[in-house]
Amino acid sequence: MKLHNSKQGHYESGPNMTPLVDVVMVILIFMMLAGTFGAATHFLPWNTAVGNGSSGGHVQLSTRLDVYVNSVSDDTFQAKLSGGESFSTTDALRDALNAKRLAHEANGLSPDTLQIMINPRLSTRYRHIAAVYEAAMEAKWTKVGFHPARE
């Protein structure tokens, strides 16, 4: 009876991948523990109290103004403020936003409490959203945010 050699069925299948998998798993675990699970979060809190009420600090509510943007055609848009005013040119919108800011400051309130939220529709063109943003920046609004587009 002939005995078979134990090396006969063994063949070289390539490099050993076990150390590579171990290193990749360690790096993956390190990245999961050290990193964050989302993009940088930029948000504007609204209607929140500033200061600590328990320490006797002054509590002041912020003012939020919504601007609803809709594209009427390729070249024209309609911007509607939360107060009901409607504008179709950036100059008129800028003047109205500037007047709202000046009225807020005339009441002795800080401009840091002013917030504007731009609310586009799904069909709104990007250049119209950018035009509303530029009008807000030209009117010297320091806090400008965007809501996700809705229909």
N, C-alpha and C. Protein backbone atom coordinates (compact mmCIF):
# COMPACT_ATOMS: atom_id res chain seq x y z
N MET A 1 0.83 -1.15 0.00
CA MET A 1 0.00 0.00 0.00
C MET A 1 0.89 1.24 0.00
N LYS A 2 0.51 2.15 -0.86
CA LYS A 2 1.32 3.34 -1.04
C LYS A 2 0.71 4.51 -0.26
N LEU A 3 1.51 5.22 0.52
CA LEU A 3 1.03 6.38 1.28
C LEU A 3 1.15 7.62 0.40
N HIS A 4 0.14 8.46 0.52
CA HIS A 4 0.15 9.70 -0.28
C HIS A 4 0.91 10.80 0.46
N ASN A 5 1.60 11.55 -0.29
CA ASN A 5 2.36 12.67 0.26
C ASN A 5 1.38 13.79 0.66
N SER A 6 1.57 14.36 1.83
CA SER A 6 0.65 15.40 2.31
C SER A 6 0.79 16.69 1.51
N LYS A 7 1.87 16.90 0.84
CA LYS A 7 2.08 18.12 0.06
C LYS A 7 1.46 18.01 -1.32
N GLN A 8 0.99 16.88 -1.66
CA GLN A 8 0.49 16.67 -3.00
C GLN A 8 -0.77 17.50 -3.26
N GLY A 9 -1.69 17.61 -2.34
CA GLY A 9 -2.92 18.35 -2.54
C GLY A 9 -2.81 19.83 -2.20
N HIS A 10 -1.70 20.32 -1.73
CA HIS A 10 -1.53 21.72 -1.33
C HIS A 10 -1.04 22.53 -2.51
N TYR A 11 -1.63 23.66 -2.70
CA TYR A 11 -1.19 24.54 -3.78
C TYR A 11 -1.16 25.97 -3.26
N GLU A 12 -0.36 26.81 -3.87
CA GLU A 12 -0.22 28.20 -3.46
C GLU A 12 -1.33 29.01 -4.13
N SER A 13 -2.19 29.65 -3.33
CA SER A 13 -3.34 30.38 -3.87
C SER A 13 -3.14 31.89 -3.85
N GLY A 14 -1.98 32.37 -3.53
CA GLY A 14 -1.74 33.81 -3.51
C GLY A 14 -1.29 34.25 -2.13
N PRO A 15 -1.15 35.54 -1.95
CA PRO A 15 -0.67 36.04 -0.65
C PRO A 15 -1.73 35.84 0.44
N ASN A 16 -1.27 35.81 1.65
CA ASN A 16 -2.16 35.65 2.80
C ASN A 16 -2.88 36.98 3.03
N MET A 17 -4.21 36.95 2.97
CA MET A 17 -5.01 38.17 3.07
C MET A 17 -5.45 38.48 4.51
N THR A 18 -5.20 37.58 5.43
CA THR A 18 -5.67 37.76 6.80
C THR A 18 -5.08 39.02 7.45
N PRO A 19 -3.77 39.31 7.36
CA PRO A 19 -3.26 40.55 7.96
C PRO A 19 -3.85 41.81 7.33
N LEU A 20 -4.10 41.78 6.02
CA LEU A 20 -4.69 42.93 5.35
C LEU A 20 -6.10 43.19 5.88
N VAL A 21 -6.89 42.16 6.01
CA VAL A 21 -8.24 42.31 6.53
C VAL A 21 -8.21 42.82 7.97
N ASP A 22 -7.29 42.33 8.77
CA ASP A 22 -7.17 42.79 10.16
C ASP A 22 -6.85 44.28 10.22
N VAL A 23 -5.91 44.72 9.40
CA VAL A 23 -5.52 46.14 9.40
C VAL A 23 -6.68 47.01 8.91
N VAL A 24 -7.38 46.59 7.88
CA VAL A 24 -8.50 47.36 7.36
C VAL A 24 -9.60 47.47 8.41
N MET A 25 -9.88 46.40 9.13
CA MET A 25 -10.90 46.45 10.18
C MET A 25 -10.50 47.40 11.31
N VAL A 26 -9.24 47.40 11.69
CA VAL A 26 -8.78 48.31 12.74
C VAL A 26 -8.94 49.76 12.28
N ILE A 27 -8.57 50.05 11.03
CA ILE A 27 -8.72 51.41 10.49
C ILE A 27 -10.19 51.79 10.43
N LEU A 28 -11.04 50.89 10.01
CA LEU A 28 -12.47 51.16 9.93
C LEU A 28 -13.05 51.47 11.31
N ILE A 29 -12.69 50.70 12.30
CA ILE A 29 -13.18 50.93 13.66
C ILE A 29 -12.67 52.27 14.19
N PHE A 30 -11.42 52.59 13.92
CA PHE A 30 -10.86 53.87 14.35
C PHE A 30 -11.60 55.03 13.70
N MET A 31 -11.87 54.94 12.39
CA MET A 31 -12.58 56.02 11.70
C MET A 31 -14.00 56.16 12.22
N MET A 32 -14.65 55.07 12.54
CA MET A 32 -16.02 55.15 13.07
C MET A 32 -16.04 55.81 14.44
N LEU A 33 -15.04 55.55 15.25
CA LEU A 33 -15.01 56.14 16.58
C LEU A 33 -14.56 57.59 16.56
N ALA A 34 -13.64 57.93 15.67
CA ALA A 34 -13.07 59.28 15.65
C ALA A 34 -13.86 60.26 14.80
N GLY A 35 -14.59 59.77 13.80
CA GLY A 35 -15.28 60.66 12.88
C GLY A 35 -16.70 60.93 13.28
N THR A 36 -17.37 61.74 12.44
CA THR A 36 -18.78 62.01 12.64
C THR A 36 -19.56 61.30 11.55
N PHE A 37 -20.82 61.09 11.81
CA PHE A 37 -21.65 60.33 10.88
C PHE A 37 -22.43 61.20 9.91
N GLY A 38 -22.10 62.43 9.79
CA GLY A 38 -22.82 63.29 8.87
C GLY A 38 -21.95 64.43 8.44
N ALA A 39 -22.49 65.22 7.54
CA ALA A 39 -21.79 66.41 7.10
C ALA A 39 -21.82 67.43 8.23
N ALA A 40 -21.05 68.45 8.07
CA ALA A 40 -21.06 69.51 9.08
C ALA A 40 -22.46 70.10 9.15
N THR A 41 -22.96 70.25 10.33
CA THR A 41 -24.32 70.73 10.52
C THR A 41 -24.31 72.24 10.69
N HIS A 42 -24.95 72.89 9.76
CA HIS A 42 -25.11 74.34 9.86
C HIS A 42 -26.59 74.60 9.98
N PHE A 43 -26.99 75.23 11.05
CA PHE A 43 -28.40 75.48 11.26
C PHE A 43 -28.58 76.83 11.93
N LEU A 44 -29.76 77.31 11.80
CA LEU A 44 -30.14 78.56 12.43
C LEU A 44 -31.29 78.28 13.39
N PRO A 45 -31.05 78.37 14.67
CA PRO A 45 -32.18 78.20 15.58
C PRO A 45 -33.10 79.42 15.51
N TRP A 46 -34.37 79.19 15.55
CA TRP A 46 -35.29 80.30 15.52
C TRP A 46 -36.28 80.17 16.67
N ASN A 47 -36.75 81.33 17.08
CA ASN A 47 -37.69 81.43 18.19
C ASN A 47 -37.18 80.71 19.43
N THR A 48 -35.89 80.84 19.68
CA THR A 48 -35.30 80.25 20.87
C THR A 48 -34.84 81.37 21.79
N ALA A 49 -34.86 81.10 23.05
CA ALA A 49 -34.46 82.10 24.02
C ALA A 49 -32.94 82.23 24.05
N VAL A 50 -32.47 83.46 24.19
CA VAL A 50 -31.05 83.72 24.32
C VAL A 50 -30.78 84.06 25.77
N GLY A 51 -29.83 83.39 26.38
CA GLY A 51 -29.54 83.63 27.79
C GLY A 51 -30.13 82.53 28.65
N ASN A 52 -29.76 82.52 29.89
CA ASN A 52 -30.22 81.50 30.81
C ASN A 52 -31.24 82.11 31.75
N GLY A 53 -32.48 81.62 31.68
CA GLY A 53 -33.54 82.18 32.50
C GLY A 53 -33.32 81.96 33.98
N SER A 54 -32.65 80.87 34.36
CA SER A 54 -32.46 80.59 35.78
C SER A 54 -31.43 81.51 36.42
N SER A 55 -30.52 82.06 35.60
CA SER A 55 -29.50 82.93 36.18
C SER A 55 -29.91 84.39 36.13
N GLY A 56 -31.15 84.65 35.72
CA GLY A 56 -31.62 86.03 35.68
C GLY A 56 -31.17 86.76 34.43
N GLY A 57 -30.66 86.04 33.42
CA GLY A 57 -30.22 86.68 32.20
C GLY A 57 -31.40 87.19 31.39
N HIS A 58 -31.15 88.14 30.52
CA HIS A 58 -32.20 88.72 29.69
C HIS A 58 -32.59 87.71 28.61
N VAL A 59 -33.87 87.45 28.46
CA VAL A 59 -34.38 86.52 27.46
C VAL A 59 -34.96 87.33 26.32
N GLN A 60 -34.48 87.03 25.11
CA GLN A 60 -34.92 87.77 23.94
C GLN A 60 -35.19 86.78 22.83
N LEU A 61 -36.36 86.86 22.21
CA LEU A 61 -36.71 85.96 21.13
C LEU A 61 -36.22 86.51 19.80
N SER A 62 -35.79 85.62 18.92
CA SER A 62 -35.29 86.05 17.62
C SER A 62 -36.46 86.27 16.66
N THR A 63 -36.20 87.04 15.62
CA THR A 63 -37.20 87.34 14.61
C THR A 63 -36.85 86.58 13.36
N ARG A 64 -37.82 85.85 12.83
CA ARG A 64 -37.61 85.05 11.64
C ARG A 64 -38.54 85.55 10.54
N LEU A 65 -37.98 85.69 9.35
CA LEU A 65 -38.75 86.13 8.19
C LEU A 65 -38.60 85.06 7.12
N ASP A 66 -39.72 84.52 6.66
CA ASP A 66 -39.71 83.51 5.59
C ASP A 66 -39.90 84.19 4.25
N VAL A 67 -39.13 83.75 3.26
CA VAL A 67 -39.27 84.22 1.89
C VAL A 67 -39.54 82.99 1.02
N TYR A 68 -40.71 82.95 0.39
CA TYR A 68 -41.10 81.84 -0.46
C TYR A 68 -40.79 82.22 -1.91
N VAL A 69 -40.00 81.39 -2.59
CA VAL A 69 -39.52 81.70 -3.94
C VAL A 69 -40.14 80.73 -4.93
N ASN A 70 -40.63 81.26 -6.05
CA ASN A 70 -41.23 80.45 -7.10
C ASN A 70 -40.80 81.01 -8.44
N SER A 71 -40.40 80.15 -9.36
CA SER A 71 -40.05 80.58 -10.71
C SER A 71 -41.32 80.69 -11.55
N VAL A 72 -41.57 81.89 -12.08
CA VAL A 72 -42.74 82.09 -12.94
C VAL A 72 -42.40 81.66 -14.35
N SER A 73 -41.23 82.05 -14.83
CA SER A 73 -40.72 81.64 -16.14
C SER A 73 -39.21 81.51 -16.01
N ASP A 74 -38.51 81.34 -17.13
CA ASP A 74 -37.06 81.22 -17.08
C ASP A 74 -36.38 82.49 -16.57
N ASP A 75 -37.00 83.64 -16.85
CA ASP A 75 -36.35 84.90 -16.50
C ASP A 75 -36.97 85.61 -15.31
N THR A 76 -38.16 85.24 -14.89
CA THR A 76 -38.83 85.95 -13.81
C THR A 76 -39.15 85.00 -12.66
N PHE A 77 -39.19 85.58 -11.48
CA PHE A 77 -39.53 84.82 -10.28
C PHE A 77 -40.50 85.63 -9.44
N GLN A 78 -41.07 84.98 -8.46
CA GLN A 78 -41.93 85.66 -7.49
C GLN A 78 -41.44 85.30 -6.10
N ALA A 79 -41.14 86.30 -5.31
CA ALA A 79 -40.73 86.11 -3.92
C ALA A 79 -41.82 86.68 -3.04
N LYS A 80 -42.31 85.85 -2.12
CA LYS A 80 -43.38 86.27 -1.23
C LYS A 80 -42.89 86.20 0.20
N LEU A 81 -43.01 87.31 0.91
CA LEU A 81 -42.59 87.36 2.31
C LEU A 81 -43.69 86.75 3.18
N SER A 82 -43.32 86.36 4.38
CA SER A 82 -44.29 85.75 5.28
C SER A 82 -45.38 86.73 5.69
N GLY A 83 -45.14 88.02 5.52
CA GLY A 83 -46.15 89.03 5.82
C GLY A 83 -47.18 89.18 4.72
N GLY A 84 -46.94 88.61 3.54
CA GLY A 84 -47.88 88.68 2.44
C GLY A 84 -47.42 89.52 1.27
N GLU A 85 -46.37 90.32 1.43
CA GLU A 85 -45.88 91.14 0.33
C GLU A 85 -45.26 90.25 -0.75
N SER A 86 -45.46 90.63 -2.00
CA SER A 86 -44.95 89.84 -3.12
C SER A 86 -44.07 90.73 -4.00
N PHE A 87 -42.95 90.16 -4.48
CA PHE A 87 -41.99 90.91 -5.28
C PHE A 87 -41.54 90.06 -6.47
N SER A 88 -41.27 90.74 -7.59
CA SER A 88 -40.79 90.02 -8.77
C SER A 88 -39.45 90.53 -9.26
N THR A 89 -38.87 91.51 -8.59
CA THR A 89 -37.54 92.00 -8.95
C THR A 89 -36.64 91.97 -7.72
N THR A 90 -35.37 91.79 -7.95
CA THR A 90 -34.43 91.73 -6.83
C THR A 90 -34.29 93.09 -6.16
N ASP A 91 -34.42 94.19 -6.94
CA ASP A 91 -34.30 95.53 -6.34
C ASP A 91 -35.43 95.79 -5.36
N ALA A 92 -36.65 95.46 -5.74
CA ALA A 92 -37.79 95.68 -4.85
C ALA A 92 -37.69 94.79 -3.61
N LEU A 93 -37.24 93.55 -3.81
CA LEU A 93 -37.09 92.63 -2.67
C LEU A 93 -35.99 93.14 -1.73
N ARG A 94 -34.88 93.58 -2.30
CA ARG A 94 -33.79 94.11 -1.48
C ARG A 94 -34.24 95.31 -0.66
N ASP A 95 -34.99 96.22 -1.29
CA ASP A 95 -35.47 97.41 -0.57
C ASP A 95 -36.43 97.03 0.56
N ALA A 96 -37.30 96.04 0.32
CA ALA A 96 -38.24 95.61 1.36
C ALA A 96 -37.50 94.93 2.51
N LEU A 97 -36.52 94.09 2.19
CA LEU A 97 -35.76 93.43 3.24
C LEU A 97 -34.93 94.43 4.04
N ASN A 98 -34.40 95.42 3.36
CA ASN A 98 -33.64 96.47 4.05
C ASN A 98 -34.56 97.27 4.98
N ALA A 99 -35.78 97.58 4.53
CA ALA A 99 -36.72 98.31 5.36
C ALA A 99 -37.11 97.49 6.60
N LYS A 100 -37.29 96.18 6.43
CA LYS A 100 -37.62 95.31 7.57
C LYS A 100 -36.46 95.30 8.58
N ARG A 101 -35.23 95.23 8.07
CA ARG A 101 -34.07 95.23 8.96
C ARG A 101 -33.95 96.55 9.71
N LEU A 102 -34.13 97.65 9.00
CA LEU A 102 -34.04 98.96 9.63
C LEU A 102 -35.14 99.16 10.67
N ALA A 103 -36.34 98.68 10.39
CA ALA A 103 -37.43 98.79 11.36
C ALA A 103 -37.13 97.98 12.61
N HIS A 104 -36.51 96.82 12.43
CA HIS A 104 -36.13 95.97 13.56
C HIS A 104 -35.07 96.67 14.41
N GLU A 105 -34.09 97.27 13.76
CA GLU A 105 -33.04 97.97 14.49
C GLU A 105 -33.55 99.25 15.14
N ALA A 106 -34.57 99.89 14.53
CA ALA A 106 -35.13 101.11 15.10
C ALA A 106 -35.84 100.83 16.43
N ASN A 107 -36.27 99.60 16.62
CA ASN A 107 -36.91 99.22 17.89
C ASN A 107 -35.87 98.92 18.97
N GLY A 108 -34.59 99.09 18.65
CA GLY A 108 -33.54 98.87 19.62
C GLY A 108 -33.10 97.42 19.74
N LEU A 109 -33.48 96.58 18.78
CA LEU A 109 -33.11 95.17 18.81
C LEU A 109 -31.84 94.93 18.01
N SER A 110 -31.09 93.96 18.42
CA SER A 110 -29.81 93.65 17.78
C SER A 110 -30.03 92.99 16.42
N PRO A 111 -29.20 93.31 15.42
CA PRO A 111 -29.33 92.65 14.12
C PRO A 111 -29.02 91.16 14.18
N ASP A 112 -28.34 90.71 15.25
CA ASP A 112 -28.04 89.28 15.37
C ASP A 112 -29.28 88.45 15.63
N THR A 113 -30.38 89.08 16.03
CA THR A 113 -31.60 88.33 16.29
C THR A 113 -32.45 88.17 15.03
N LEU A 114 -32.04 88.80 13.94
CA LEU A 114 -32.77 88.69 12.67
C LEU A 114 -32.35 87.43 11.93
N GLN A 115 -33.32 86.70 11.41
CA GLN A 115 -33.04 85.52 10.61
C GLN A 115 -33.98 85.49 9.43
N ILE A 116 -33.45 85.12 8.28
CA ILE A 116 -34.28 84.99 7.09
C ILE A 116 -34.15 83.57 6.58
N MET A 117 -35.26 82.95 6.24
CA MET A 117 -35.27 81.58 5.72
C MET A 117 -35.83 81.62 4.30
N ILE A 118 -35.06 81.13 3.34
CA ILE A 118 -35.48 81.09 1.95
C ILE A 118 -36.11 79.72 1.70
N ASN A 119 -37.36 79.73 1.24
CA ASN A 119 -38.14 78.51 1.00
C ASN A 119 -38.43 78.36 -0.49
N PRO A 120 -37.61 77.63 -1.24
CA PRO A 120 -37.90 77.46 -2.66
C PRO A 120 -38.89 76.32 -2.89
N ARG A 121 -39.51 76.31 -4.04
CA ARG A 121 -40.33 75.18 -4.48
C ARG A 121 -39.44 74.24 -5.29
N LEU A 122 -39.92 73.04 -5.56
CA LEU A 122 -39.13 72.09 -6.34
C LEU A 122 -38.87 72.60 -7.75
N SER A 123 -39.79 73.37 -8.30
CA SER A 123 -39.65 73.87 -9.66
C SER A 123 -38.87 75.17 -9.75
N THR A 124 -38.41 75.71 -8.64
CA THR A 124 -37.69 76.98 -8.64
C THR A 124 -36.29 76.80 -9.22
N ARG A 125 -35.92 77.70 -10.09
CA ARG A 125 -34.59 77.65 -10.70
C ARG A 125 -33.55 78.15 -9.71
N TYR A 126 -32.35 77.59 -9.83
CA TYR A 126 -31.27 77.96 -8.90
C TYR A 126 -30.90 79.43 -9.01
N ARG A 127 -30.95 79.98 -10.19
CA ARG A 127 -30.55 81.39 -10.33
C ARG A 127 -31.54 82.31 -9.62
N HIS A 128 -32.79 81.89 -9.49
CA HIS A 128 -33.77 82.70 -8.77
C HIS A 128 -33.53 82.61 -7.26
N ILE A 129 -33.15 81.43 -6.79
CA ILE A 129 -32.80 81.28 -5.38
C ILE A 129 -31.57 82.12 -5.06
N ALA A 130 -30.59 82.09 -5.96
CA ALA A 130 -29.38 82.88 -5.77
C ALA A 130 -29.70 84.38 -5.80
N ALA A 131 -30.65 84.79 -6.63
CA ALA A 131 -31.01 86.21 -6.69
C ALA A 131 -31.65 86.66 -5.37
N VAL A 132 -32.49 85.81 -4.78
CA VAL A 132 -33.10 86.14 -3.49
C VAL A 132 -32.03 86.19 -2.40
N TYR A 133 -31.09 85.24 -2.45
CA TYR A 133 -29.99 85.25 -1.47
C TYR A 133 -29.15 86.52 -1.60
N GLU A 134 -28.83 86.91 -2.83
CA GLU A 134 -28.05 88.13 -3.04
C GLU A 134 -28.81 89.37 -2.55
N ALA A 135 -30.13 89.39 -2.75
CA ALA A 135 -30.92 90.52 -2.27
C ALA A 135 -30.86 90.59 -0.75
N ALA A 136 -30.92 89.44 -0.08
CA ALA A 136 -30.83 89.42 1.39
C ALA A 136 -29.45 89.88 1.85
N MET A 137 -28.40 89.46 1.16
CA MET A 137 -27.05 89.87 1.54
C MET A 137 -26.84 91.37 1.29
N GLU A 138 -27.38 91.89 0.19
CA GLU A 138 -27.26 93.33 -0.08
C GLU A 138 -28.05 94.16 0.92
N ALA A 139 -29.11 93.57 1.50
CA ALA A 139 -29.90 94.26 2.52
C ALA A 139 -29.27 94.11 3.90
N LYS A 140 -28.10 93.49 3.95
CA LYS A 140 -27.29 93.33 5.17
C LYS A 140 -27.94 92.44 6.23
N TRP A 141 -28.59 91.38 5.78
CA TRP A 141 -29.07 90.35 6.70
C TRP A 141 -27.89 89.42 6.94
N THR A 142 -27.55 89.19 8.19
CA THR A 142 -26.37 88.39 8.49
C THR A 142 -26.67 86.91 8.62
N LYS A 143 -27.90 86.55 8.97
CA LYS A 143 -28.27 85.15 9.12
C LYS A 143 -29.27 84.77 8.05
N VAL A 144 -28.81 84.02 7.07
CA VAL A 144 -29.67 83.58 5.96
C VAL A 144 -29.59 82.06 5.90
N GLY A 145 -30.74 81.42 5.89
CA GLY A 145 -30.80 79.97 5.83
C GLY A 145 -31.72 79.52 4.70
N PHE A 146 -31.68 78.22 4.42
CA PHE A 146 -32.46 77.65 3.35
C PHE A 146 -33.24 76.46 3.88
N HIS A 147 -34.50 76.37 3.48
CA HIS A 147 -35.30 75.19 3.75
C HIS A 147 -35.20 74.27 2.54
N PRO A 148 -35.36 72.98 2.73
CA PRO A 148 -35.38 72.08 1.57
C PRO A 148 -36.56 72.43 0.66
N ALA A 149 -36.36 72.23 -0.63
CA ALA A 149 -37.40 72.56 -1.59
C ALA A 149 -38.60 71.63 -1.40
N ARG A 150 -39.78 72.22 -1.50
CA ARG A 150 -41.04 71.46 -1.39
C ARG A 150 -41.96 71.90 -2.49
N GLU A 151 -42.91 71.06 -2.77
CA GLU A 151 -43.91 71.39 -3.78
C GLU A 151 -45.16 71.86 -3.14
